[in-house]
Amino acid sequence: MKTDLTNHFDVFVITNGRASFKYVVKSLERQKNVKFDLHIIKDMKWIDACNTCLEYSDLPFYLRLDDDMILHPMTIQFFDCLVKTKLQDNGVIYCLKLWEPWNDRLCNKVKVYNRELTKRVGFEVDNRGKVDKLFKKGAQNKGYKIIGDKTSAIGIHAA
């Protein structure tokens, strides 16, 4: 049973059929003490998937995962605490790292977005089909903060 905390998240997993997808979903089913709605986005172009996450609901925050990001059972509760303390006013996104056991390093970022501020920035794709660098630049141009922790690992990047 989930405990109802202050925040209620949409959690999106974007998948194009990786074998690790089922483990990502299982890691989300094991999340403790936080309320969230799980949404699976399948077989979409990256920009379309990102915009679907953004426009899906009116909940103030959402978490976006790839289908190879396996989370610790307390990750969403941790994000809930961070949102209350860090992602207020002009914080548009909060990022945390994943551990790559096969590469012995921290990598990639799990992101929770402030939906209202993210809508003001919007998503665009670069020449590689990625959105993160252009989003970061757009957010900073509008005076919004990208907040994160460069040393904590909150899950595994299965790649």
C-alpha atoms as a PDB file:
ATOM      1  CA  MET A   1       0.000   0.000   0.000  1.00  0.00           C
ATOM      2  CA  LYS A   2       1.308   3.441  -0.925  1.00  0.00           C
ATOM      3  CA  THR A   3       1.424   6.210   1.683  1.00  0.00           C
ATOM      4  CA  ASP A   4      -0.005   9.485   0.444  1.00  0.00           C
ATOM      5  CA  LEU A   5       2.704  12.158   0.704  1.00  0.00           C
ATOM      6  CA  THR A   6       2.376  15.788  -0.346  1.00  0.00           C
ATOM      7  CA  ASN A   7       3.371  15.240  -3.928  1.00  0.00           C
ATOM      8  CA  HIS A   8       1.759  12.974  -6.460  1.00  0.00           C
ATOM      9  CA  PHE A   9       3.866  12.093  -9.489  1.00  0.00           C
ATOM     10  CA  ASP A  10       3.316  10.872 -12.978  1.00  0.00           C
ATOM     11  CA  VAL A  11       6.067   8.359 -13.746  1.00  0.00           C
ATOM     12  CA  PHE A  12       6.760   7.676 -17.413  1.00  0.00           C
ATOM     13  CA  VAL A  13       8.836   4.844 -18.821  1.00  0.00           C
ATOM     14  CA  ILE A  14       9.761   5.346 -22.455  1.00  0.00           C
ATOM     15  CA  THR A  15      10.445   2.047 -24.210  1.00  0.00           C
ATOM     16  CA  ASN A  16      11.247   0.743 -27.632  1.00  0.00           C
ATOM     17  CA  GLY A  17      11.459  -2.873 -26.532  1.00  0.00           C
ATOM     18  CA  ARG A  18      14.669  -3.345 -24.542  1.00  0.00           C
ATOM     19  CA  ALA A  19      14.905  -6.586 -22.560  1.00  0.00           C
ATOM     20  CA  SER A  20      15.534  -4.573 -19.367  1.00  0.00           C
ATOM     21  CA  PHE A  21      12.063  -2.945 -19.564  1.00  0.00           C
ATOM     22  CA  LYS A  22      10.410  -5.611 -17.377  1.00  0.00           C
ATOM     23  CA  TYR A  23      12.994  -5.000 -14.627  1.00  0.00           C
ATOM     24  CA  VAL A  24      12.372  -1.258 -14.760  1.00  0.00           C
ATOM     25  CA  VAL A  25       8.638  -1.849 -14.257  1.00  0.00           C
ATOM     26  CA  LYS A  26       9.364  -4.285 -11.420  1.00  0.00           C
ATOM     27  CA  SER A  27      11.582  -1.669  -9.723  1.00  0.00           C
ATOM     28  CA  LEU A  28       8.697   0.802  -9.933  1.00  0.00           C
ATOM     29  CA  GLU A  29       6.234  -1.703  -8.484  1.00  0.00           C
ATOM     30  CA  ARG A  30       8.558  -1.957  -5.452  1.00  0.00           C
ATOM     31  CA  GLN A  31       8.582   1.784  -4.703  1.00  0.00           C
ATOM     32  CA  LYS A  32       7.615   2.561  -1.129  1.00  0.00           C
ATOM     33  CA  ASN A  33       5.629   5.276   0.631  1.00  0.00           C
ATOM     34  CA  VAL A  34       4.746   7.544  -2.260  1.00  0.00           C
ATOM     35  CA  LYS A  35       1.817   7.935  -4.600  1.00  0.00           C
ATOM     36  CA  PHE A  36       2.456   7.896  -8.343  1.00  0.00           C
ATOM     37  CA  ASP A  37       0.740   6.980 -11.573  1.00  0.00           C
ATOM     38  CA  LEU A  38       2.772   4.777 -13.912  1.00  0.00           C
ATOM     39  CA  HIS A  39       2.548   5.384 -17.667  1.00  0.00           C
ATOM     40  CA  ILE A  40       4.265   3.363 -20.366  1.00  0.00           C
ATOM     41  CA  ILE A  41       5.131   5.106 -23.638  1.00  0.00           C
ATOM     42  CA  LYS A  42       5.973   2.636 -26.403  1.00  0.00           C
ATOM     43  CA  ASP A  43       7.491   2.932 -29.845  1.00  0.00           C
ATOM     44  CA  MET A  44       7.475   6.729 -30.247  1.00  0.00           C
ATOM     45  CA  LYS A  45      10.070   9.132 -31.545  1.00  0.00           C
ATOM     46  CA  TRP A  46      11.965  10.654 -28.622  1.00  0.00           C
ATOM     47  CA  ILE A  47      10.573  14.193 -29.100  1.00  0.00           C
ATOM     48  CA  ASP A  48       7.012  12.858 -29.289  1.00  0.00           C
ATOM     49  CA  ALA A  49       7.529  10.745 -26.149  1.00  0.00           C
ATOM     50  CA  CYS A  50       8.968  13.742 -24.235  1.00  0.00           C
ATOM     51  CA  ASN A  51       6.040  15.934 -25.265  1.00  0.00           C
ATOM     52  CA  THR A  52       3.565  13.212 -24.288  1.00  0.00           C
ATOM     53  CA  CYS A  53       5.080  13.157 -20.782  1.00  0.00           C
ATOM     54  CA  LEU A  54       4.861  16.934 -20.597  1.00  0.00           C
ATOM     55  CA  GLU A  55       1.261  17.279 -21.772  1.00  0.00           C
ATOM     56  CA  TYR A  56      -0.244  14.156 -20.197  1.00  0.00           C
ATOM     57  CA  SER A  57      -1.779  15.590 -17.030  1.00  0.00           C
ATOM     58  CA  ASP A  58      -1.987  18.539 -14.674  1.00  0.00           C
ATOM     59  CA  LEU A  59       0.049  16.946 -11.894  1.00  0.00           C
ATOM     60  CA  PRO A  60       2.822  19.394 -10.983  1.00  0.00           C
ATOM     61  CA  PHE A  61       5.762  16.949 -11.244  1.00  0.00           C
ATOM     62  CA  TYR A  62       6.715  14.000 -13.378  1.00  0.00           C
ATOM     63  CA  LEU A  63       9.574  11.547 -13.528  1.00  0.00           C
ATOM     64  CA  ARG A  64      10.918  10.333 -16.889  1.00  0.00           C
ATOM     65  CA  LEU A  65      12.751   7.029 -17.200  1.00  0.00           C
ATOM     66  CA  ASP A  66      14.303   5.094 -20.049  1.00  0.00           C
ATOM     67  CA  ASP A  67      13.657   1.374 -20.305  1.00  0.00           C
ATOM     68  CA  ASP A  68      17.103   0.563 -18.876  1.00  0.00           C
ATOM     69  CA  MET A  69      16.911   2.585 -15.632  1.00  0.00           C
ATOM     70  CA  ILE A  70      16.308   0.264 -12.677  1.00  0.00           C
ATOM     71  CA  LEU A  71      15.537   2.208  -9.503  1.00  0.00           C
ATOM     72  CA  HIS A  72      16.206   1.633  -5.819  1.00  0.00           C
ATOM     73  CA  PRO A  73      12.911   1.000  -3.922  1.00  0.00           C
ATOM     74  CA  MET A  74      13.085   4.403  -2.186  1.00  0.00           C
ATOM     75  CA  THR A  75      13.902   6.532  -5.256  1.00  0.00           C
ATOM     76  CA  ILE A  76      10.501   8.115  -5.790  1.00  0.00           C
ATOM     77  CA  GLN A  77      10.147   8.864  -2.075  1.00  0.00           C
ATOM     78  CA  PHE A  78      13.595  10.495  -2.267  1.00  0.00           C
ATOM     79  CA  PHE A  79      12.409  12.615  -5.203  1.00  0.00           C
ATOM     80  CA  ASP A  80       9.317  13.525  -3.194  1.00  0.00           C
ATOM     81  CA  CYS A  81      11.545  14.932  -0.447  1.00  0.00           C
ATOM     82  CA  LEU A  82      13.749  16.749  -2.961  1.00  0.00           C
ATOM     83  CA  VAL A  83      10.772  18.367  -4.649  1.00  0.00           C
ATOM     84  CA  LYS A  84       9.582  19.732  -1.311  1.00  0.00           C
ATOM     85  CA  THR A  85      12.975  21.181  -0.453  1.00  0.00           C
ATOM     86  CA  LYS A  86      14.804  21.889  -3.720  1.00  0.00           C
ATOM     87  CA  LEU A  87      12.508  21.985  -6.749  1.00  0.00           C
ATOM     88  CA  GLN A  88      10.462  25.051  -5.922  1.00  0.00           C
ATOM     89  CA  ASP A  89      10.164  28.478  -7.532  1.00  0.00           C
ATOM     90  CA  ASN A  90      12.547  28.474 -10.492  1.00  0.00           C
ATOM     91  CA  GLY A  91      13.834  24.890 -10.327  1.00  0.00           C
ATOM     92  CA  VAL A  92      12.709  23.300 -13.561  1.00  0.00           C
ATOM     93  CA  ILE A  93      14.313  19.874 -13.214  1.00  0.00           C
ATOM     94  CA  TYR A  94      16.132  17.763 -10.653  1.00  0.00           C
ATOM     95  CA  CYS A  95      18.614  15.131 -11.808  1.00  0.00           C
ATOM     96  CA  LEU A  96      20.246  12.170 -10.092  1.00  0.00           C
ATOM     97  CA  LYS A  97      22.758   9.655 -11.385  1.00  0.00           C
ATOM     98  CA  LEU A  98      22.654   5.926 -12.027  1.00  0.00           C
ATOM     99  CA  TRP A  99      25.426   3.403 -11.486  1.00  0.00           C
ATOM    100  CA  GLU A 100      26.832   1.453 -14.424  1.00  0.00           C
ATOM    101  CA  PRO A 101      28.249  -1.730 -12.878  1.00  0.00           C
ATOM    102  CA  TRP A 102      29.705  -2.918 -16.183  1.00  0.00           C
ATOM    103  CA  ASN A 103      31.601   0.368 -16.608  1.00  0.00           C
ATOM    104  CA  ASP A 104      32.280   1.058 -12.893  1.00  0.00           C
ATOM    105  CA  ARG A 105      31.061   4.661 -13.004  1.00  0.00           C
ATOM    106  CA  LEU A 106      28.151   7.030 -12.447  1.00  0.00           C
ATOM    107  CA  CYS A 107      26.263   7.956 -15.585  1.00  0.00           C
ATOM    108  CA  ASN A 108      23.000   9.189 -17.096  1.00  0.00           C
ATOM    109  CA  LYS A 109      20.438  11.033 -15.113  1.00  0.00           C
ATOM    110  CA  VAL A 110      17.002  10.221 -13.810  1.00  0.00           C
ATOM    111  CA  LYS A 111      15.012  13.433 -14.005  1.00  0.00           C
ATOM    112  CA  VAL A 112      11.980  14.815 -12.236  1.00  0.00           C
ATOM    113  CA  TYR A 113      10.422  17.786 -14.013  1.00  0.00           C
ATOM    114  CA  ASN A 114       8.409  20.736 -12.753  1.00  0.00           C
ATOM    115  CA  ARG A 115       5.679  20.462 -15.390  1.00  0.00           C
ATOM    116  CA  GLU A 116       4.599  24.133 -15.401  1.00  0.00           C
ATOM    117  CA  LEU A 117       8.124  25.474 -15.887  1.00  0.00           C
ATOM    118  CA  THR A 118       9.016  22.725 -18.366  1.00  0.00           C
ATOM    119  CA  LYS A 119       6.049  23.764 -20.524  1.00  0.00           C
ATOM    120  CA  ARG A 120       7.459  27.292 -20.607  1.00  0.00           C
ATOM    121  CA  VAL A 121      10.776  25.950 -21.937  1.00  0.00           C
ATOM    122  CA  GLY A 122       9.507  23.184 -24.225  1.00  0.00           C
ATOM    123  CA  PHE A 123      11.426  20.398 -25.934  1.00  0.00           C
ATOM    124  CA  GLU A 124      13.379  20.500 -29.171  1.00  0.00           C
ATOM    125  CA  VAL A 125      15.623  17.876 -30.732  1.00  0.00           C
ATOM    126  CA  ASP A 126      19.224  18.421 -31.725  1.00  0.00           C
ATOM    127  CA  ASN A 127      20.894  16.877 -34.765  1.00  0.00           C
ATOM    128  CA  ARG A 128      21.330  13.590 -32.840  1.00  0.00           C
ATOM    129  CA  GLY A 129      17.643  13.403 -31.915  1.00  0.00           C
ATOM    130  CA  LYS A 130      18.320  14.273 -28.243  1.00  0.00           C
ATOM    131  CA  VAL A 131      16.508  16.909 -26.153  1.00  0.00           C
ATOM    132  CA  ASP A 132      18.587  17.395 -22.988  1.00  0.00           C
ATOM    133  CA  LYS A 133      21.217  19.904 -24.132  1.00  0.00           C
ATOM    134  CA  LEU A 134      18.723  22.194 -25.883  1.00  0.00           C
ATOM    135  CA  PHE A 135      16.324  21.925 -22.938  1.00  0.00           C
ATOM    136  CA  LYS A 136      19.077  22.876 -20.486  1.00  0.00           C
ATOM    137  CA  LYS A 137      20.065  25.880 -22.610  1.00  0.00           C
ATOM    138  CA  GLY A 138      16.435  27.006 -22.974  1.00  0.00           C
ATOM    139  CA  ALA A 139      15.808  26.663 -19.230  1.00  0.00           C
ATOM    140  CA  GLN A 140      18.899  28.674 -18.346  1.00  0.00           C
ATOM    141  CA  ASN A 141      17.971  31.369 -20.890  1.00  0.00           C
ATOM    142  CA  LYS A 142      14.651  31.760 -19.049  1.00  0.00           C
ATOM    143  CA  GLY A 143      16.399  31.992 -15.673  1.00  0.00           C
ATOM    144  CA  TYR A 144      15.377  28.520 -14.473  1.00  0.00           C
ATOM    145  CA  LYS A 145      17.666  26.244 -12.504  1.00  0.00           C
ATOM    146  CA  ILE A 146      18.765  22.748 -13.414  1.00  0.00           C
ATOM    147  CA  ILE A 147      19.377  21.175 -10.021  1.00  0.00           C
ATOM    148  CA  GLY A 148      21.110  17.909  -9.363  1.00  0.00           C
ATOM    149  CA  ASP A 149      23.353  15.692  -7.370  1.00  0.00           C
ATOM    150  CA  LYS A 150      26.503  14.569  -9.148  1.00  0.00           C
ATOM    151  CA  THR A 151      27.565  11.965  -6.596  1.00  0.00           C
ATOM    152  CA  SER A 152      24.492   9.969  -5.559  1.00  0.00           C
ATOM    153  CA  ALA A 153      23.442   6.803  -7.353  1.00  0.00           C
ATOM    154  CA  ILE A 154      19.740   6.002  -7.039  1.00  0.00           C
ATOM    155  CA  GLY A 155      19.608   3.009  -9.346  1.00  0.00           C
ATOM    156  CA  ILE A 156      21.331   0.982 -12.019  1.00  0.00           C
ATOM    157  CA  HIS A 157      21.787   1.826 -15.675  1.00  0.00           C
ATOM    158  CA  ALA A 158      21.300  -1.592 -17.254  1.00  0.00           C
ATOM    159  CA  ALA A 159      22.235  -0.542 -20.812  1.00  0.00           C
END
